[in-house]
Amino acid sequence: MSKLLYIHGFSSCGVGQKSTVLSTCFGQEHVDAPNLPPSPNDAVSLLESMVEEGEYDLLVGSSLGGFYAAYIAEKYHMKAVLINPSVKPWETLKPYVGWQKRFCDGEVFEFKAVYLEQMREFESKPNAGTYLVLLQSEDEVLDYTKAKIHYRNERVVVEYGGNHRFENLEDYLSIIGNFKHAQ
């Protein structure tokens, strides 16, 4: 049975609003949502091992998780849904170097400057037809136009309004389901 791998964003957790919405729609047993370590090398290593051992047919990544999902999608020739994805996280996350607290559970972690350079190693070029990109124009964290331009040859849906958390993901479940099952 095919599964979906949800990849959370910076300073977040696998179990949260988006993974809960996806689990409700696609079935909890068909959605995996790991907590990623702060190190990009460790996070990508974990995701690679999960993809190599699992039967995933779709990645869904949000923000930094969208960046990781794009890398994994290109490496393993998979489809991915990217929600308000980060395109160049080594630039946007620079102000967060130092001690941080995860939003979901308050766990404190160190985000090291070396992680910014590690992220550059995972930059990927989009392969047309691989992605469904969901953007909201009022994203207060990332400039949605950068992702819109970066993924211009993909299926991009821009909702005017919204925010970085993409609060109304449930409105897009049918689009995600159709993308998941399309050849």
C-alpha atoms as a PDB file:
ATOM      1  CA  MET A   1       0.000   0.000   0.000  1.00  0.00           C
ATOM      2  CA  SER A   2       1.384   3.416  -0.958  1.00  0.00           C
ATOM      3  CA  LYS A   3       2.111   6.037   1.651  1.00  0.00           C
ATOM      4  CA  LEU A   4       2.610   9.754   1.991  1.00  0.00           C
ATOM      5  CA  LEU A   5       5.636  11.286   3.734  1.00  0.00           C
ATOM      6  CA  TYR A   6       5.000  14.669   5.367  1.00  0.00           C
ATOM      7  CA  ILE A   7       8.092  16.834   5.956  1.00  0.00           C
ATOM      8  CA  HIS A   8       7.665  19.680   8.442  1.00  0.00           C
ATOM      9  CA  GLY A   9       9.272  23.098   8.404  1.00  0.00           C
ATOM     10  CA  PHE A  10      11.921  24.814  10.502  1.00  0.00           C
ATOM     11  CA  SER A  11      11.459  24.659  14.270  1.00  0.00           C
ATOM     12  CA  SER A  12       8.339  22.530  13.907  1.00  0.00           C
ATOM     13  CA  CYS A  13       7.395  18.877  14.471  1.00  0.00           C
ATOM     14  CA  GLY A  14       6.096  16.033  12.366  1.00  0.00           C
ATOM     15  CA  VAL A  15       2.825  15.858  14.247  1.00  0.00           C
ATOM     16  CA  GLY A  16       1.004  19.139  13.797  1.00  0.00           C
ATOM     17  CA  GLN A  17      -1.866  20.818  11.993  1.00  0.00           C
ATOM     18  CA  LYS A  18      -0.845  19.835   8.447  1.00  0.00           C
ATOM     19  CA  SER A  19       0.058  16.216   9.192  1.00  0.00           C
ATOM     20  CA  THR A  20      -3.202  15.829  11.130  1.00  0.00           C
ATOM     21  CA  VAL A  21      -5.226  17.160   8.173  1.00  0.00           C
ATOM     22  CA  LEU A  22      -3.363  14.820   5.793  1.00  0.00           C
ATOM     23  CA  SER A  23      -3.836  11.830   8.132  1.00  0.00           C
ATOM     24  CA  THR A  24      -7.558  12.530   8.421  1.00  0.00           C
ATOM     25  CA  CYS A  25      -7.901  12.592   4.634  1.00  0.00           C
ATOM     26  CA  PHE A  26      -5.545   9.808   3.557  1.00  0.00           C
ATOM     27  CA  GLY A  27      -5.656   7.633   6.695  1.00  0.00           C
ATOM     28  CA  GLN A  28      -3.309   7.746   9.658  1.00  0.00           C
ATOM     29  CA  GLU A  29      -1.706   4.447   8.634  1.00  0.00           C
ATOM     30  CA  HIS A  30      -0.833   5.954   5.219  1.00  0.00           C
ATOM     31  CA  VAL A  31       0.899   9.126   6.461  1.00  0.00           C
ATOM     32  CA  ASP A  32       4.315   9.260   8.116  1.00  0.00           C
ATOM     33  CA  ALA A  33       5.486  12.518   9.683  1.00  0.00           C
ATOM     34  CA  PRO A  34       8.871  12.231  11.412  1.00  0.00           C
ATOM     35  CA  ASN A  35      10.452  14.852  13.651  1.00  0.00           C
ATOM     36  CA  LEU A  36      13.525  16.051  11.782  1.00  0.00           C
ATOM     37  CA  PRO A  37      16.825  16.831  13.491  1.00  0.00           C
ATOM     38  CA  PRO A  38      18.042  20.441  13.072  1.00  0.00           C
ATOM     39  CA  SER A  39      21.121  19.396  11.057  1.00  0.00           C
ATOM     40  CA  PRO A  40      20.287  19.366   7.323  1.00  0.00           C
ATOM     41  CA  ASN A  41      22.699  16.465   6.749  1.00  0.00           C
ATOM     42  CA  ASP A  42      20.983  14.428   9.461  1.00  0.00           C
ATOM     43  CA  ALA A  43      17.490  15.439   8.315  1.00  0.00           C
ATOM     44  CA  VAL A  44      18.154  14.446   4.701  1.00  0.00           C
ATOM     45  CA  SER A  45      19.820  11.205   5.798  1.00  0.00           C
ATOM     46  CA  LEU A  46      16.713  10.311   7.828  1.00  0.00           C
ATOM     47  CA  LEU A  47      14.400  11.144   4.916  1.00  0.00           C
ATOM     48  CA  GLU A  48      16.526   9.159   2.455  1.00  0.00           C
ATOM     49  CA  SER A  49      16.475   6.077   4.674  1.00  0.00           C
ATOM     50  CA  MET A  50      12.700   6.376   5.118  1.00  0.00           C
ATOM     51  CA  VAL A  51      12.142   6.653   1.350  1.00  0.00           C
ATOM     52  CA  GLU A  52      14.493   3.742   0.652  1.00  0.00           C
ATOM     53  CA  GLU A  53      12.719   1.541   3.211  1.00  0.00           C
ATOM     54  CA  GLY A  54       9.133   2.721   2.690  1.00  0.00           C
ATOM     55  CA  GLU A  55       6.561   2.569  -0.057  1.00  0.00           C
ATOM     56  CA  TYR A  56       5.986   6.291  -0.490  1.00  0.00           C
ATOM     57  CA  ASP A  57       4.369   7.622  -3.618  1.00  0.00           C
ATOM     58  CA  LEU A  58       4.068  11.249  -2.501  1.00  0.00           C
ATOM     59  CA  LEU A  59       6.051  13.729  -0.462  1.00  0.00           C
ATOM     60  CA  VAL A  60       4.371  16.737   1.138  1.00  0.00           C
ATOM     61  CA  GLY A  61       6.703  19.383   2.495  1.00  0.00           C
ATOM     62  CA  SER A  62       6.025  22.712   4.156  1.00  0.00           C
ATOM     63  CA  SER A  63       8.464  25.647   4.199  1.00  0.00           C
ATOM     64  CA  LEU A  64      11.930  24.155   4.918  1.00  0.00           C
ATOM     65  CA  GLY A  65      10.247  20.763   4.548  1.00  0.00           C
ATOM     66  CA  GLY A  66       9.308  21.821   1.011  1.00  0.00           C
ATOM     67  CA  PHE A  67      12.970  22.466   0.272  1.00  0.00           C
ATOM     68  CA  TYR A  68      13.884  19.005   1.576  1.00  0.00           C
ATOM     69  CA  ALA A  69      10.955  17.426  -0.296  1.00  0.00           C
ATOM     70  CA  ALA A  70      12.204  18.932  -3.571  1.00  0.00           C
ATOM     71  CA  TYR A  71      15.661  17.434  -3.051  1.00  0.00           C
ATOM     72  CA  ILE A  72      14.270  13.994  -2.168  1.00  0.00           C
ATOM     73  CA  ALA A  73      11.775  14.139  -5.064  1.00  0.00           C
ATOM     74  CA  GLU A  74      14.554  14.822  -7.567  1.00  0.00           C
ATOM     75  CA  LYS A  75      16.905  12.193  -6.135  1.00  0.00           C
ATOM     76  CA  TYR A  76      14.280   9.426  -6.007  1.00  0.00           C
ATOM     77  CA  HIS A  77      12.112  10.505  -8.977  1.00  0.00           C
ATOM     78  CA  MET A  78       9.037  11.118  -6.843  1.00  0.00           C
ATOM     79  CA  LYS A  79       6.176  13.589  -6.903  1.00  0.00           C
ATOM     80  CA  ALA A  80       5.904  16.230  -4.202  1.00  0.00           C
ATOM     81  CA  VAL A  81       3.419  18.774  -2.923  1.00  0.00           C
ATOM     82  CA  LEU A  82       5.241  21.859  -1.687  1.00  0.00           C
ATOM     83  CA  ILE A  83       3.381  24.165   0.711  1.00  0.00           C
ATOM     84  CA  ASN A  84       4.822  27.693   0.938  1.00  0.00           C
ATOM     85  CA  PRO A  85       8.247  26.154   0.242  1.00  0.00           C
ATOM     86  CA  SER A  86      11.569  27.716   1.083  1.00  0.00           C
ATOM     87  CA  VAL A  87      13.694  28.100  -2.045  1.00  0.00           C
ATOM     88  CA  LYS A  88      16.962  29.331  -0.504  1.00  0.00           C
ATOM     89  CA  PRO A  89      16.803  28.504   3.202  1.00  0.00           C
ATOM     90  CA  TRP A  90      20.491  29.347   3.728  1.00  0.00           C
ATOM     91  CA  GLU A  91      19.433  32.974   3.156  1.00  0.00           C
ATOM     92  CA  THR A  92      16.089  33.070   4.965  1.00  0.00           C
ATOM     93  CA  LEU A  93      17.242  31.123   8.034  1.00  0.00           C
ATOM     94  CA  LYS A  94      20.442  33.129   8.625  1.00  0.00           C
ATOM     95  CA  PRO A  95      18.772  35.274  11.357  1.00  0.00           C
ATOM     96  CA  TYR A  96      17.879  32.087  13.282  1.00  0.00           C
ATOM     97  CA  VAL A  97      21.435  30.887  13.912  1.00  0.00           C
ATOM     98  CA  GLY A  98      21.716  30.212  17.637  1.00  0.00           C
ATOM     99  CA  TRP A  99      19.444  28.655  20.222  1.00  0.00           C
ATOM    100  CA  GLN A 100      15.839  28.121  19.138  1.00  0.00           C
ATOM    101  CA  LYS A 101      12.694  26.616  20.599  1.00  0.00           C
ATOM    102  CA  ARG A 102      10.428  24.298  18.598  1.00  0.00           C
ATOM    103  CA  PHE A 103       6.926  25.733  18.173  1.00  0.00           C
ATOM    104  CA  CYS A 104       5.190  22.419  18.741  1.00  0.00           C
ATOM    105  CA  ASP A 105       6.679  21.224  22.013  1.00  0.00           C
ATOM    106  CA  GLY A 106       9.051  23.886  23.319  1.00  0.00           C
ATOM    107  CA  GLU A 107      12.148  21.690  22.920  1.00  0.00           C
ATOM    108  CA  VAL A 108      15.291  23.841  22.749  1.00  0.00           C
ATOM    109  CA  PHE A 109      17.848  23.156  20.000  1.00  0.00           C
ATOM    110  CA  GLU A 110      20.887  24.843  18.517  1.00  0.00           C
ATOM    111  CA  PHE A 111      20.710  25.950  14.899  1.00  0.00           C
ATOM    112  CA  LYS A 112      24.363  26.214  13.840  1.00  0.00           C
ATOM    113  CA  ALA A 113      25.847  28.482  11.155  1.00  0.00           C
ATOM    114  CA  VAL A 114      27.353  25.418   9.455  1.00  0.00           C
ATOM    115  CA  TYR A 115      23.793  24.216   8.760  1.00  0.00           C
ATOM    116  CA  LEU A 116      23.323  27.094   6.312  1.00  0.00           C
ATOM    117  CA  GLU A 117      26.198  25.774   4.193  1.00  0.00           C
ATOM    118  CA  GLN A 118      24.912  22.207   4.487  1.00  0.00           C
ATOM    119  CA  MET A 119      21.594  23.349   3.011  1.00  0.00           C
ATOM    120  CA  ARG A 120      23.289  24.590  -0.163  1.00  0.00           C
ATOM    121  CA  GLU A 121      24.307  20.995  -0.906  1.00  0.00           C
ATOM    122  CA  PHE A 122      20.641  20.032  -1.208  1.00  0.00           C
ATOM    123  CA  GLU A 123      19.590  22.711  -3.676  1.00  0.00           C
ATOM    124  CA  SER A 124      17.795  21.116  -6.615  1.00  0.00           C
ATOM    125  CA  LYS A 125      16.444  22.202  -9.969  1.00  0.00           C
ATOM    126  CA  PRO A 126      12.748  21.464 -10.525  1.00  0.00           C
ATOM    127  CA  ASN A 127      11.884  18.718 -13.015  1.00  0.00           C
ATOM    128  CA  ALA A 128       8.675  19.712 -14.825  1.00  0.00           C
ATOM    129  CA  GLY A 129       5.656  17.690 -13.770  1.00  0.00           C
ATOM    130  CA  THR A 130       7.112  16.609 -10.445  1.00  0.00           C
ATOM    131  CA  TYR A 131       5.519  19.234  -8.199  1.00  0.00           C
ATOM    132  CA  LEU A 132       2.259  20.726  -7.051  1.00  0.00           C
ATOM    133  CA  VAL A 133       3.158  24.016  -5.357  1.00  0.00           C
ATOM    134  CA  LEU A 134       0.636  25.621  -2.999  1.00  0.00           C
ATOM    135  CA  LEU A 135       1.342  29.238  -2.100  1.00  0.00           C
ATOM    136  CA  GLN A 136      -0.417  31.922  -0.102  1.00  0.00           C
ATOM    137  CA  SER A 137       0.395  35.521  -0.991  1.00  0.00           C
ATOM    138  CA  GLU A 138       0.273  36.839   2.569  1.00  0.00           C
ATOM    139  CA  ASP A 139       3.010  34.465   3.780  1.00  0.00           C
ATOM    140  CA  GLU A 140       4.656  36.621   6.449  1.00  0.00           C
ATOM    141  CA  VAL A 141       7.842  34.501   6.568  1.00  0.00           C
ATOM    142  CA  LEU A 142       8.752  33.776   2.933  1.00  0.00           C
ATOM    143  CA  ASP A 143       8.188  35.861  -0.200  1.00  0.00           C
ATOM    144  CA  TYR A 144       5.785  33.669  -2.181  1.00  0.00           C
ATOM    145  CA  THR A 145       6.926  35.191  -5.501  1.00  0.00           C
ATOM    146  CA  LYS A 146      10.345  33.530  -5.138  1.00  0.00           C
ATOM    147  CA  ALA A 147       8.762  30.073  -5.057  1.00  0.00           C
ATOM    148  CA  LYS A 148       6.331  31.060  -7.823  1.00  0.00           C
ATOM    149  CA  ILE A 149       9.269  31.993 -10.068  1.00  0.00           C
ATOM    150  CA  HIS A 150      11.454  29.031  -9.044  1.00  0.00           C
ATOM    151  CA  TYR A 151       8.651  26.545  -9.779  1.00  0.00           C
ATOM    152  CA  ARG A 152       7.189  28.409 -12.786  1.00  0.00           C
ATOM    153  CA  ASN A 153       7.163  25.257 -14.951  1.00  0.00           C
ATOM    154  CA  GLU A 154       5.249  23.272 -12.322  1.00  0.00           C
ATOM    155  CA  ARG A 155       1.611  23.285 -11.300  1.00  0.00           C
ATOM    156  CA  VAL A 156       1.495  26.341  -9.019  1.00  0.00           C
ATOM    157  CA  VAL A 157      -1.626  27.415  -7.134  1.00  0.00           C
ATOM    158  CA  VAL A 158      -1.559  30.864  -5.528  1.00  0.00           C
ATOM    159  CA  GLU A 159      -4.240  31.751  -3.027  1.00  0.00           C
ATOM    160  CA  TYR A 160      -4.335  35.473  -2.423  1.00  0.00           C
ATOM    161  CA  GLY A 161      -4.371  36.059   1.310  1.00  0.00           C
ATOM    162  CA  GLY A 162      -3.552  33.366   3.845  1.00  0.00           C
ATOM    163  CA  ASN A 163      -0.303  33.102   5.813  1.00  0.00           C
ATOM    164  CA  HIS A 164       2.856  31.032   6.203  1.00  0.00           C
ATOM    165  CA  ARG A 165       1.064  28.276   8.137  1.00  0.00           C
ATOM    166  CA  PHE A 166      -1.347  27.712   5.227  1.00  0.00           C
ATOM    167  CA  GLU A 167      -4.250  27.386   7.683  1.00  0.00           C
ATOM    168  CA  ASN A 168      -6.849  26.053   5.217  1.00  0.00           C
ATOM    169  CA  LEU A 169      -4.988  23.047   3.821  1.00  0.00           C
ATOM    170  CA  GLU A 170      -8.206  21.017   3.991  1.00  0.00           C
ATOM    171  CA  ASP A 171      -9.552  23.131   1.088  1.00  0.00           C
ATOM    172  CA  TYR A 172      -6.795  21.655  -1.104  1.00  0.00           C
ATOM    173  CA  LEU A 173      -7.103  17.965  -0.220  1.00  0.00           C
ATOM    174  CA  SER A 174      -8.957  17.071  -3.423  1.00  0.00           C
ATOM    175  CA  ILE A 175      -6.274  18.803  -5.515  1.00  0.00           C
ATOM    176  CA  ILE A 176      -3.572  16.939  -3.563  1.00  0.00           C
ATOM    177  CA  GLY A 177      -5.442  13.645  -3.990  1.00  0.00           C
ATOM    178  CA  ASN A 178      -5.817  14.195  -7.745  1.00  0.00           C
ATOM    179  CA  PHE A 179      -2.121  15.066  -8.051  1.00  0.00           C
ATOM    180  CA  LYS A 180      -1.170  11.993  -6.004  1.00  0.00           C
ATOM    181  CA  HIS A 181      -3.108   9.662  -8.309  1.00  0.00           C
ATOM    182  CA  ALA A 182      -2.283  11.351 -11.637  1.00  0.00           C
ATOM    183  CA  GLN A 183       0.238   9.628 -13.880  1.00  0.00           C
END
